[in-house]
Every structure is written in C-alpha cells, then in structure tokens.
Amino acid sequence: MDVLEKVAGRYCNELLPYIKWELEWAYLISMVQLSINSVDREWHKQNIFLSYLRALLFARGPDIILALCTGESPIAAIACNELMWKAAAVWWLSLFIPYDIFNKILNIELGDVKPLIILLKILTSLRCLAAVEAGVAASLKANPGCYIAVFIGTLAGNGSFAVAGVFGDFAKSVSTPRITKLAFCDAILFTLVQTCCTGYVSSCLVHAVCAAYYIAAEIMEAFGHKVECVDPMYEVIRKIVVLCDLVK
C-alpha cells in the first residue's frame, strides 16, 4: 500500500501540475469541437459571430452552470482574455483554416487508430477527473462534511447533463449521460474518501486509480474493446433502491 500511495502521490503532486497546460488545451479543443459539431458547418460560415460565442460558451459551459448553482458570477467563468483568445484560435483552426489542415492533422490514422484523437480524449478525461476532485475539495472546505460535495463535484467534472431539467438544452449540449455518470461516480468516491475514509485511503490513490481506468478504457475502446463499469454499478444501485420491481 505504501508503494501505491507513493506512486499516486507522484502522479497527483508532480505529474498533474506538470501537464496542466496540456490538459487545459485538450479540454478546450474538445469542447470547441463539440460546439462546432453540434450544428451544421454551413451555419458557422453564415453566423460567424454567433458561432464564436457558441464556442466560447461551450468552452466553459459546465463552469457557467456550476457558477449559477453556487450563486457565483457566470460571467467570471469566461471573463478571461487569455481564454477568449485561445477559444478563438481553436475555433478558427477547426473551421476556417485553409485546406482544413487542423482537423486533418487531428484525425491522422495509423492503421485503424487515430492516435491524436485518443490522446485528446485521455487528456480531456484526466482534466475532468482533476476538476471533480477540486470541486469536491472546495465544497467540503466551504461546507465541512456535507455531501453536497457530490453534486458540486459532478458539475465540476462536466456532469451538466444532471441539471438539464433545470438548465435545458445547453446543459445537455455540453455534456452526455455517460460523462455525467462517470463524474457522479468520481464525485462519490472523492467525497467518501475525504469525509468517511480519512486515514484509510488517500484522495491521491483514488485519483490515480481512476486515472489509470480512464487511460485503459480509452485505449481499449480505440481498439474496439469497450470497457464499461459504470452502467453495471448503476444497475446494482437501481435494484437496491427500486425494490418494488423485485416484489411484482
């Protein structure tokens, strides 16, 4: 266990801060690409200003929704000139660079695999995982011992689909049920570790294990082997909670 804790500590305290720049860029590219692919490309050409604003809002969509839920300023989530320039750069490269060079590079294939797409997905997943832990930690600091940290961590980790009933199509657009389930499970783990299991297992170890799962799952999925442990977990929880189905 000491060896695992040491490895996990190096991952969380040394590697993650070192690759933070790469994680943020990967997340930004993923979200801008999501905003672009959510409507027909011809629409972007006809509505350049609206298209850019859409990309900017998608780039910080979960943060905007989280700010609304916590009573903070949603504008503060996007009021950063650096973010606006970065989003503009990715938006232009994805849509308007001659010969579509950016997307062609991003979709380079080696055999049946697109290595840059795989790397982008892995880095985006790791960024969301780190956001879940940060959200849980911040919530528990503000509200010690309160399990609202699960909700905050879920939203911080791009689990905005959970509040689509309140925030509508925008919350659905910036997230998916699968991403929300993953963020929810991660938030539960981090919350339990930081409230009930202090001294038994560290957040770093949980973080490193979850990161290893994400990396392995994305690589295996790229080779046609889908790894899914969240849905079976949900099915078990559903059967425990919905007892009425068992007595019919």
Protein backbone atom coordinates (compact mmCIF):
# COMPACT_ATOMS: atom_id res chain seq x y z
CA MET A 1 0.00 0.00 0.00
CA ASP A 2 2.85 2.39 0.79
CA VAL A 3 4.28 1.84 -2.68
CA LEU A 4 0.89 2.57 -4.30
CA GLU A 5 0.46 5.69 -2.19
CA LYS A 6 3.91 6.88 -3.18
CA VAL A 7 3.23 6.34 -6.90
CA ALA A 8 -0.18 8.01 -6.57
CA GLY A 9 1.39 10.94 -4.73
CA ARG A 10 3.91 11.47 -7.50
CA TYR A 11 1.12 11.37 -10.09
CA CYS A 12 -1.06 13.91 -8.27
CA ASN A 13 1.63 16.21 -6.89
CA GLU A 14 4.22 16.10 -9.66
CA LEU A 15 2.83 14.84 -12.97
CA LEU A 16 -0.58 16.56 -12.94
CA PRO A 17 0.79 20.07 -12.24
CA TYR A 18 3.46 19.47 -14.90
CA ILE A 19 0.91 18.61 -17.63
CA LYS A 20 -1.78 21.07 -16.52
CA TRP A 21 -1.21 23.20 -19.66
CA GLU A 22 -1.75 20.18 -21.91
CA LEU A 23 -4.86 19.11 -20.00
CA GLU A 24 -6.47 22.53 -20.34
CA TRP A 25 -5.70 22.76 -24.05
CA ALA A 26 -7.08 19.27 -24.67
CA TYR A 27 -10.27 20.13 -22.80
CA LEU A 28 -10.63 23.42 -24.70
CA ILE A 29 -10.17 21.70 -28.06
CA SER A 30 -12.69 19.00 -27.13
CA MET A 31 -15.35 21.48 -26.04
CA VAL A 32 -14.88 23.80 -29.03
CA GLN A 33 -15.05 20.80 -31.36
CA LEU A 34 -18.24 19.76 -29.57
CA SER A 35 -19.77 23.18 -30.18
CA ILE A 36 -18.80 23.06 -33.85
CA ASN A 37 -20.15 19.55 -34.43
CA SER A 38 -23.43 20.30 -32.66
CA VAL A 39 -24.76 22.18 -35.71
CA ASP A 40 -24.21 22.11 -39.45
CA ARG A 41 -20.88 23.61 -40.52
CA GLU A 42 -22.56 25.84 -43.07
CA TRP A 43 -24.34 27.56 -40.19
CA HIS A 44 -20.96 28.59 -38.74
CA LYS A 45 -19.96 30.24 -42.02
CA GLN A 46 -23.21 32.18 -42.17
CA ASN A 47 -23.15 33.18 -38.48
CA ILE A 48 -19.53 33.83 -37.62
CA PHE A 49 -20.11 35.96 -34.52
CA LEU A 50 -22.75 33.62 -33.09
CA SER A 51 -20.54 30.65 -33.90
CA TYR A 52 -17.63 32.09 -31.91
CA LEU A 53 -19.84 32.94 -28.94
CA ARG A 54 -21.21 29.41 -29.05
CA ALA A 55 -17.67 28.00 -28.94
CA LEU A 56 -16.75 30.30 -26.05
CA LEU A 57 -19.82 29.29 -24.05
CA PHE A 58 -19.17 25.60 -24.69
CA ALA A 59 -15.54 26.04 -23.62
CA ARG A 60 -16.70 26.98 -20.13
CA GLY A 61 -20.25 25.61 -20.20
CA PRO A 62 -20.02 23.40 -17.10
CA ASP A 63 -18.28 26.21 -15.17
CA ILE A 64 -21.08 28.61 -16.10
CA ILE A 65 -23.74 26.17 -14.89
CA LEU A 66 -21.76 25.45 -11.71
CA ALA A 67 -21.48 29.18 -11.03
CA LEU A 68 -25.24 29.58 -11.40
CA CYS A 69 -25.85 26.71 -8.97
CA THR A 70 -23.43 28.06 -6.36
CA GLY A 71 -24.51 31.69 -6.58
CA GLU A 72 -21.31 32.94 -8.20
CA SER A 73 -20.99 35.08 -11.31
CA PRO A 74 -21.31 33.06 -14.53
CA ILE A 75 -19.56 35.87 -16.39
CA ALA A 76 -16.49 35.36 -14.21
CA ALA A 77 -16.19 31.87 -15.68
CA ILE A 78 -15.46 33.31 -19.13
CA ALA A 79 -14.14 36.79 -18.25
CA CYS A 80 -10.57 35.99 -19.18
CA ASN A 81 -8.86 37.47 -22.23
CA GLU A 82 -6.50 34.51 -22.47
CA LEU A 83 -9.43 32.09 -22.59
CA MET A 84 -11.17 34.20 -25.24
CA TRP A 85 -8.08 34.25 -27.47
CA LYS A 86 -7.44 30.54 -27.01
CA ALA A 87 -11.06 29.68 -27.81
CA ALA A 88 -10.92 31.97 -30.86
CA ALA A 89 -7.74 30.27 -32.08
CA VAL A 90 -9.15 26.74 -31.75
CA TRP A 91 -12.48 27.84 -33.26
CA TRP A 92 -10.78 29.36 -36.32
CA LEU A 93 -8.39 26.44 -36.79
CA SER A 94 -11.27 23.98 -36.58
CA LEU A 95 -13.50 25.82 -39.04
CA PHE A 96 -11.73 28.24 -41.33
CA ILE A 97 -8.06 27.37 -41.80
CA PRO A 98 -7.34 26.64 -45.49
CA TYR A 99 -7.48 23.01 -46.59
CA ASP A 100 -8.91 22.02 -43.18
CA ILE A 101 -5.34 21.30 -42.02
CA PHE A 102 -6.11 21.30 -38.29
CA ASN A 103 -8.81 18.64 -38.49
CA LYS A 104 -6.78 16.56 -40.92
CA ILE A 105 -3.84 16.54 -38.52
CA LEU A 106 -6.11 15.76 -35.59
CA ASN A 107 -7.62 12.80 -37.46
CA ILE A 108 -4.37 11.27 -38.74
CA GLU A 109 -4.75 7.48 -38.81
CA LEU A 110 -2.20 4.81 -38.03
CA GLY A 111 -3.85 1.65 -39.23
CA ASP A 112 -7.37 1.79 -37.85
CA VAL A 113 -6.42 4.06 -34.95
CA LYS A 114 -6.39 7.85 -34.63
CA PRO A 115 -3.64 8.41 -32.03
CA LEU A 116 -4.15 12.16 -31.60
CA ILE A 117 -7.89 11.70 -31.03
CA ILE A 118 -7.15 9.03 -28.43
CA LEU A 119 -4.64 11.31 -26.71
CA LEU A 120 -7.14 14.18 -26.79
CA LYS A 121 -9.82 12.02 -25.17
CA ILE A 122 -7.42 10.76 -22.49
CA LEU A 123 -6.20 14.25 -21.57
CA THR A 124 -9.76 15.58 -21.53
CA SER A 125 -10.86 12.76 -19.22
CA LEU A 126 -7.92 13.39 -16.88
CA ARG A 127 -8.75 17.09 -16.80
CA CYS A 128 -12.38 16.37 -15.89
CA LEU A 129 -11.26 13.94 -13.19
CA ALA A 130 -8.97 16.58 -11.68
CA ALA A 131 -11.87 19.07 -11.82
CA VAL A 132 -14.10 16.63 -9.91
CA GLU A 133 -11.55 16.29 -7.11
CA ALA A 134 -11.00 20.06 -6.97
CA GLY A 135 -14.76 20.66 -6.87
CA VAL A 136 -15.28 18.16 -4.06
CA ALA A 137 -12.36 19.57 -2.06
CA ALA A 138 -13.61 23.16 -2.46
CA SER A 139 -17.15 22.17 -1.47
CA LEU A 140 -16.01 20.28 1.63
CA LYS A 141 -13.83 23.21 2.65
CA ALA A 142 -16.80 25.57 2.41
CA ASN A 143 -19.31 23.06 3.87
CA PRO A 144 -17.37 20.55 6.02
CA GLY A 145 -18.83 17.06 5.98
CA CYS A 146 -21.74 17.97 3.69
CA TYR A 147 -22.49 15.54 0.88
CA ILE A 148 -23.50 18.39 -1.42
CA ALA A 149 -19.87 17.94 -2.46
CA VAL A 150 -21.06 15.04 -4.65
CA PHE A 151 -23.31 17.42 -6.59
CA ILE A 152 -20.62 20.10 -6.88
CA GLY A 153 -18.00 17.56 -7.98
CA THR A 154 -20.35 16.12 -10.59
CA LEU A 155 -20.96 19.53 -12.16
CA ALA A 156 -17.27 20.48 -11.97
CA GLY A 157 -16.38 17.29 -13.84
CA ASN A 158 -18.59 18.20 -16.81
CA GLY A 159 -21.62 16.34 -15.47
CA SER A 160 -24.01 19.10 -16.53
CA PHE A 161 -26.49 16.61 -18.02
CA ALA A 162 -27.65 16.04 -14.44
CA VAL A 163 -29.23 19.51 -14.33
CA ALA A 164 -30.62 19.54 -17.88
CA GLY A 165 -34.15 19.55 -16.43
CA VAL A 166 -33.41 22.99 -14.97
CA PHE A 167 -30.96 24.49 -17.46
CA GLY A 168 -32.38 22.90 -20.61
CA ASP A 169 -30.69 22.14 -23.90
CA PHE A 170 -27.47 23.98 -23.07
CA ALA A 171 -26.75 21.61 -20.17
CA LYS A 172 -27.44 18.65 -22.48
CA SER A 173 -25.23 20.05 -25.21
CA VAL A 174 -22.09 20.45 -23.10
CA SER A 175 -22.33 17.00 -21.52
CA THR A 176 -23.69 13.48 -22.02
CA PRO A 177 -25.31 10.88 -19.75
CA ARG A 178 -22.12 8.77 -19.82
CA ILE A 179 -19.83 11.65 -18.86
CA THR A 180 -22.27 12.69 -16.13
CA LYS A 181 -22.37 9.17 -14.69
CA LEU A 182 -18.58 9.00 -14.63
CA ALA A 183 -18.33 12.40 -12.95
CA PHE A 184 -21.01 11.39 -10.43
CA CYS A 185 -19.20 8.16 -9.51
CA ASP A 186 -15.88 10.00 -9.20
CA ALA A 187 -17.50 12.65 -7.00
CA ILE A 188 -18.96 9.96 -4.72
CA LEU A 189 -15.55 8.31 -4.36
CA PHE A 190 -13.72 11.54 -3.58
CA THR A 191 -16.43 12.68 -1.16
CA LEU A 192 -16.43 9.40 0.76
CA VAL A 193 -12.64 9.34 0.92
CA GLN A 194 -12.47 12.90 2.24
CA THR A 195 -15.32 12.52 4.74
CA CYS A 196 -15.50 8.90 5.90
CA CYS A 197 -12.26 7.17 4.95
CA THR A 198 -9.66 9.71 6.05
CA GLY A 199 -6.64 7.79 7.29
CA TYR A 200 -7.53 4.62 5.40
CA VAL A 201 -7.07 5.66 1.80
CA SER A 202 -5.97 8.95 0.27
CA SER A 203 -7.59 11.03 -2.43
CA CYS A 204 -4.35 10.73 -4.40
CA LEU A 205 -4.67 6.95 -4.55
CA VAL A 206 -8.31 7.13 -5.67
CA HIS A 207 -7.36 9.78 -8.21
CA ALA A 208 -4.53 7.68 -9.63
CA VAL A 209 -6.68 4.54 -9.84
CA CYS A 210 -9.47 6.42 -11.64
CA ALA A 211 -6.92 7.97 -14.00
CA ALA A 212 -5.50 4.54 -14.81
CA TYR A 213 -9.01 3.29 -15.55
CA TYR A 214 -9.73 6.21 -17.88
CA ILE A 215 -6.48 5.72 -19.78
CA ALA A 216 -7.00 1.97 -20.15
CA ALA A 217 -10.67 2.39 -21.15
CA GLU A 218 -9.92 4.96 -23.86
CA ILE A 219 -7.09 2.87 -25.33
CA MET A 220 -9.11 -0.34 -25.33
CA GLU A 221 -12.16 1.42 -26.80
CA ALA A 222 -9.96 2.71 -29.63
CA PHE A 223 -9.15 -0.90 -30.47
CA GLY A 224 -12.80 -1.95 -30.39
CA HIS A 225 -13.00 -3.28 -26.82
CA LYS A 226 -15.45 -1.18 -24.85
CA VAL A 227 -14.79 -1.14 -21.11
CA GLU A 228 -17.77 -0.07 -19.03
CA CYS A 229 -18.05 -0.44 -15.26
CA VAL A 230 -20.38 2.48 -14.54
CA ASP A 231 -23.56 1.06 -16.08
CA PRO A 232 -23.31 -2.26 -14.16
CA MET A 233 -22.75 -0.26 -10.97
CA TYR A 234 -25.83 1.83 -11.72
CA GLU A 235 -27.86 -1.31 -12.35
CA VAL A 236 -26.90 -2.72 -8.96
CA ILE A 237 -27.80 0.56 -7.24
CA ARG A 238 -31.09 0.70 -9.16
CA LYS A 239 -32.05 -2.79 -7.99
CA ILE A 240 -31.20 -1.92 -4.39
CA VAL A 241 -33.22 1.31 -4.47
CA VAL A 242 -36.18 0.26 -6.64
CA LEU A 243 -37.30 -2.69 -4.53
CA CYS A 244 -40.82 -2.53 -5.89
CA ASP A 245 -39.60 -4.20 -9.10
CA LEU A 246 -38.44 -7.21 -7.10
CA VAL A 247 -41.84 -7.91 -5.49
CA LYS A 248 -44.03 -7.67 -8.59
